[in-house]
Amino acid sequence: VTFIAGEVKNPQRNIGLSLFLGTLIVTLIYVAANLMYISVLPLSDIASSPQDRVAVSASQIIFGDAGRYVIAVMIMISTFGCNNGLILAGARVYYTMAKDGLFFRKTGTLNKNNVPEFALWIQCILASILCLSGRYGDLLDMISFVVVLFYALTILGIFVLRRKMPDAPRPYKAFGYPVLPALYIVMAISFCVLLIWFKPTYAGWGLAIVLTGIPIYYLALRNNRTQP
């Protein structure tokens, strides 16, 4: 929602409501799933589930031998849906950066359907490459560090903008400012530190991917200056 906030109708109402309802629904589903695991499996089986596949173990008890296929289909649907949303949202980041002169100008163009087609293709290709980079768990560990780090920087931007632009119009204001944003930053940084401590290899690879964006950024700036 925050990635496409500029296109949201009535942002004063709908952004906060979307964030609240989305978080609430995901939390309820997560809690319900864990309650199901506990009610179906003894704690010893949950702790010793092979490769942490608790959902597969629970589904085999509920659906029999077909349980593993049920979970596989659910994971596939969930992955495709999540990937679709991330691709669409990520493309809007490229689009906005291009409009601000921070990325290649081509990504800031829309096709006849008012869709950032070029930015979508870039996001699609990058997402596909990452999907082929290794196991899901390894990819999650590698990307989590970077994602949470940038979330913390984004929230830090609230404090920066409030200080530099105190009188700017704000259709949506962060709930619980400044306590909740500050608490989020502390928790996010703590998560990143723990990930570096326990899984330095994956955190390092994730950071390396981000650092490759530095030369691309300057290349984009140079390209924008040379174009009329």
Protein backbone atom coordinates (compact mmCIF):
# COMPACT_ATOMS: atom_id res chain seq x y z
CA VAL A 1 0.00 0.00 0.00
CA THR A 2 2.75 2.45 0.90
CA PHE A 3 4.53 1.81 -2.41
CA ILE A 4 1.48 2.95 -4.37
CA ALA A 5 0.28 5.56 -1.88
CA GLY A 6 0.37 8.25 -4.55
CA GLU A 7 -2.39 6.46 -6.46
CA VAL A 8 -4.63 5.67 -3.50
CA LYS A 9 -7.97 7.46 -3.46
CA ASN A 10 -8.74 9.33 -0.24
CA PRO A 11 -5.30 8.53 1.29
CA GLN A 12 -6.19 10.16 4.61
CA ARG A 13 -8.62 7.32 5.23
CA ASN A 14 -7.65 4.40 3.02
CA ILE A 15 -3.89 4.12 3.64
CA GLY A 16 -4.21 3.76 7.40
CA LEU A 17 -7.26 1.51 7.06
CA SER A 18 -5.48 -0.73 4.55
CA LEU A 19 -2.41 -1.05 6.75
CA PHE A 20 -4.53 -1.88 9.79
CA LEU A 21 -6.78 -4.41 8.06
CA GLY A 22 -3.91 -6.05 6.17
CA THR A 23 -1.85 -6.51 9.33
CA LEU A 24 -4.88 -7.73 11.28
CA ILE A 25 -5.88 -10.31 8.66
CA VAL A 26 -2.34 -11.69 8.29
CA THR A 27 -1.94 -11.88 12.07
CA LEU A 28 -5.24 -13.75 12.49
CA ILE A 29 -4.31 -16.23 9.75
CA TYR A 30 -0.88 -16.78 11.28
CA VAL A 31 -2.30 -17.35 14.78
CA ALA A 32 -5.04 -19.64 13.44
CA ALA A 33 -2.49 -21.73 11.52
CA ASN A 34 -0.31 -22.16 14.61
CA LEU A 35 -3.32 -23.09 16.74
CA MET A 36 -4.15 -25.72 14.13
CA TYR A 37 -0.61 -27.12 14.30
CA ILE A 38 -0.77 -27.33 18.10
CA SER A 39 -4.18 -29.01 18.07
CA VAL A 40 -3.15 -31.60 15.48
CA LEU A 41 0.48 -32.32 16.38
CA PRO A 42 2.11 -32.94 19.75
CA LEU A 43 4.83 -30.46 20.65
CA SER A 44 7.51 -33.12 20.21
CA ASP A 45 6.49 -33.66 16.58
CA ILE A 46 6.45 -29.90 15.95
CA ALA A 47 9.97 -29.57 17.37
CA SER A 48 11.31 -32.54 15.38
CA SER A 49 9.46 -31.93 12.12
CA PRO A 50 11.84 -32.67 9.21
CA GLN A 51 13.30 -29.48 7.71
CA ASP A 52 10.83 -27.40 9.76
CA ARG A 53 7.94 -28.56 7.56
CA VAL A 54 5.32 -28.43 10.28
CA ALA A 55 2.54 -27.58 7.82
CA VAL A 56 3.28 -30.72 5.79
CA SER A 57 3.21 -32.91 8.89
CA ALA A 58 -0.10 -31.43 10.03
CA SER A 59 -1.70 -31.72 6.58
CA GLN A 60 -0.70 -35.39 6.32
CA ILE A 61 -2.62 -36.08 9.51
CA ILE A 62 -5.66 -34.14 8.26
CA PHE A 63 -5.68 -35.19 4.59
CA GLY A 64 -3.62 -38.38 4.65
CA ASP A 65 -0.96 -39.03 2.01
CA ALA A 66 -2.44 -36.28 -0.17
CA GLY A 67 -1.55 -33.71 2.49
CA ARG A 68 1.86 -32.92 1.05
CA TYR A 69 0.27 -32.11 -2.31
CA VAL A 70 -2.35 -29.90 -0.65
CA ILE A 71 0.38 -27.89 1.06
CA ALA A 72 2.42 -27.74 -2.16
CA VAL A 73 -0.54 -26.25 -4.05
CA MET A 74 -1.25 -23.75 -1.25
CA ILE A 75 2.41 -22.67 -1.16
CA MET A 76 2.43 -22.30 -4.94
CA ILE A 77 -0.69 -20.11 -4.92
CA SER A 78 0.64 -18.04 -2.03
CA THR A 79 4.04 -17.61 -3.70
CA PHE A 80 2.57 -16.57 -7.04
CA GLY A 81 0.22 -14.10 -5.34
CA CYS A 82 2.98 -12.61 -3.22
CA ASN A 83 5.35 -12.39 -6.18
CA ASN A 84 2.69 -10.69 -8.27
CA GLY A 85 2.06 -8.06 -5.60
CA LEU A 86 5.77 -7.42 -5.04
CA ILE A 87 6.44 -7.08 -8.77
CA LEU A 88 3.61 -4.59 -9.20
CA ALA A 89 4.61 -2.59 -6.11
CA GLY A 90 8.33 -2.67 -6.89
CA ALA A 91 7.75 -1.34 -10.40
CA ARG A 92 6.11 1.73 -8.90
CA VAL A 93 9.29 2.39 -6.91
CA TYR A 94 11.31 2.49 -10.14
CA TYR A 95 8.65 4.68 -11.71
CA THR A 96 8.72 7.21 -8.86
CA MET A 97 12.53 7.23 -8.73
CA ALA A 98 12.65 7.96 -12.47
CA LYS A 99 10.19 10.82 -12.04
CA ASP A 100 12.47 12.27 -9.36
CA GLY A 101 15.50 11.91 -11.66
CA LEU A 102 17.07 9.14 -9.54
CA PHE A 103 16.77 6.24 -12.01
CA PHE A 104 16.73 5.62 -15.75
CA ARG A 105 14.20 7.92 -17.40
CA LYS A 106 12.70 5.06 -19.40
CA THR A 107 11.30 3.48 -16.23
CA GLY A 108 9.25 6.61 -15.60
CA THR A 109 7.16 6.18 -18.75
CA LEU A 110 3.67 4.71 -19.01
CA ASN A 111 2.21 2.65 -21.84
CA LYS A 112 -1.18 3.26 -23.45
CA ASN A 113 -2.88 1.63 -20.44
CA ASN A 114 -1.13 3.99 -17.97
CA VAL A 115 1.05 1.14 -16.69
CA PRO A 116 4.85 1.46 -16.16
CA GLU A 117 5.55 -1.40 -18.55
CA PHE A 118 9.33 -1.03 -18.73
CA ALA A 119 9.64 -0.87 -14.94
CA LEU A 120 7.44 -3.97 -14.64
CA TRP A 121 9.72 -5.92 -16.97
CA ILE A 122 12.78 -4.93 -14.96
CA GLN A 123 11.12 -6.03 -11.73
CA CYS A 124 9.93 -9.28 -13.32
CA ILE A 125 13.41 -10.19 -14.58
CA LEU A 126 15.09 -9.38 -11.26
CA ALA A 127 12.49 -11.37 -9.31
CA SER A 128 12.91 -14.36 -11.65
CA ILE A 129 16.70 -14.31 -11.25
CA LEU A 130 16.38 -14.24 -7.47
CA CYS A 131 13.95 -17.18 -7.57
CA LEU A 132 16.62 -19.22 -9.38
CA SER A 133 19.39 -18.22 -6.99
CA GLY A 134 18.98 -21.08 -4.52
CA ARG A 135 16.72 -22.57 -1.90
CA TYR A 136 13.80 -20.58 -0.55
CA GLY A 137 15.20 -20.46 2.99
CA ASP A 138 18.56 -19.16 1.79
CA LEU A 139 16.90 -16.54 -0.39
CA LEU A 140 14.70 -15.44 2.52
CA ASP A 141 17.69 -15.03 4.84
CA MET A 142 19.59 -13.10 2.16
CA ILE A 143 16.78 -10.70 1.34
CA SER A 144 15.34 -10.26 4.85
CA PHE A 145 18.38 -8.32 6.04
CA VAL A 146 18.15 -5.86 3.15
CA VAL A 147 14.37 -5.48 3.25
CA VAL A 148 14.20 -4.79 6.99
CA LEU A 149 17.17 -2.42 6.77
CA PHE A 150 15.43 -0.34 4.11
CA TYR A 151 12.17 -0.44 6.07
CA ALA A 152 14.06 1.10 8.99
CA LEU A 153 15.54 3.77 6.70
CA THR A 154 12.07 4.51 5.34
CA ILE A 155 10.66 5.02 8.82
CA LEU A 156 13.69 7.16 9.67
CA GLY A 157 12.63 9.35 6.75
CA ILE A 158 9.54 10.33 8.76
CA PHE A 159 11.72 12.02 11.37
CA VAL A 160 13.89 13.66 8.71
CA LEU A 161 10.92 15.08 6.81
CA ARG A 162 9.18 16.25 9.98
CA ARG A 163 12.35 18.17 10.84
CA LYS A 164 13.19 19.56 7.38
CA MET A 165 9.63 20.16 6.17
CA PRO A 166 7.49 20.75 9.28
CA ASP A 167 4.78 22.66 7.40
CA ALA A 168 4.45 20.36 4.38
CA PRO A 169 0.91 19.03 3.70
CA ARG A 170 0.55 15.48 4.97
CA PRO A 171 -2.61 13.63 3.84
CA TYR A 172 -1.55 10.71 6.04
CA LYS A 173 0.37 11.00 9.30
CA ALA A 174 2.17 8.12 10.99
CA PHE A 175 0.14 6.68 13.86
CA GLY A 176 1.78 6.95 17.28
CA TYR A 177 4.51 9.36 16.17
CA PRO A 178 7.21 9.57 17.48
CA VAL A 179 7.06 6.54 19.82
CA LEU A 180 5.89 3.80 17.44
CA PRO A 181 8.17 4.78 14.53
CA ALA A 182 11.16 4.97 16.89
CA LEU A 183 10.26 1.58 18.40
CA TYR A 184 10.03 0.07 14.93
CA ILE A 185 13.48 1.39 14.00
CA VAL A 186 15.01 -0.09 17.16
CA MET A 187 13.40 -3.50 16.53
CA ALA A 188 14.38 -3.49 12.85
CA ILE A 189 18.01 -2.64 13.59
CA SER A 190 18.07 -5.33 16.30
CA PHE A 191 16.78 -7.87 13.78
CA CYS A 192 19.49 -6.89 11.30
CA VAL A 193 22.21 -7.18 13.95
CA LEU A 194 20.99 -10.66 14.95
CA LEU A 195 20.90 -11.75 11.32
CA ILE A 196 24.49 -10.55 10.83
CA TRP A 197 25.52 -12.38 13.99
CA PHE A 198 23.86 -15.73 13.26
CA LYS A 199 23.87 -15.77 9.44
CA PRO A 200 26.64 -13.44 8.28
CA THR A 201 27.05 -15.12 4.89
CA TYR A 202 23.48 -14.51 3.77
CA ALA A 203 23.38 -11.00 5.21
CA GLY A 204 26.64 -10.27 3.43
CA TRP A 205 25.32 -11.46 0.07
CA GLY A 206 22.18 -9.39 0.54
CA LEU A 207 24.25 -6.31 1.32
CA ALA A 208 26.45 -7.02 -1.72
CA ILE A 209 23.38 -6.99 -3.97
CA VAL A 210 22.40 -3.60 -2.56
CA LEU A 211 25.90 -2.19 -3.07
CA THR A 212 25.74 -3.09 -6.77
CA GLY A 213 23.00 -0.47 -6.98
CA ILE A 214 25.50 2.33 -6.28
CA PRO A 215 27.22 2.25 -9.71
CA ILE A 216 23.84 1.70 -11.37
CA TYR A 217 22.54 4.81 -9.59
CA TYR A 218 25.38 7.00 -10.85
CA LEU A 219 25.06 5.48 -14.32
CA ALA A 220 21.37 6.42 -14.32
CA LEU A 221 22.17 9.99 -13.25
CA ARG A 222 24.76 10.29 -16.01
CA ASN A 223 22.35 8.85 -18.56
CA ASN A 224 19.63 11.32 -17.54
CA ARG A 225 22.01 14.27 -17.90
CA THR A 226 23.03 13.28 -21.42
CA GLN A 227 19.47 12.77 -22.63
CA PRO A 228 17.53 15.84 -23.83
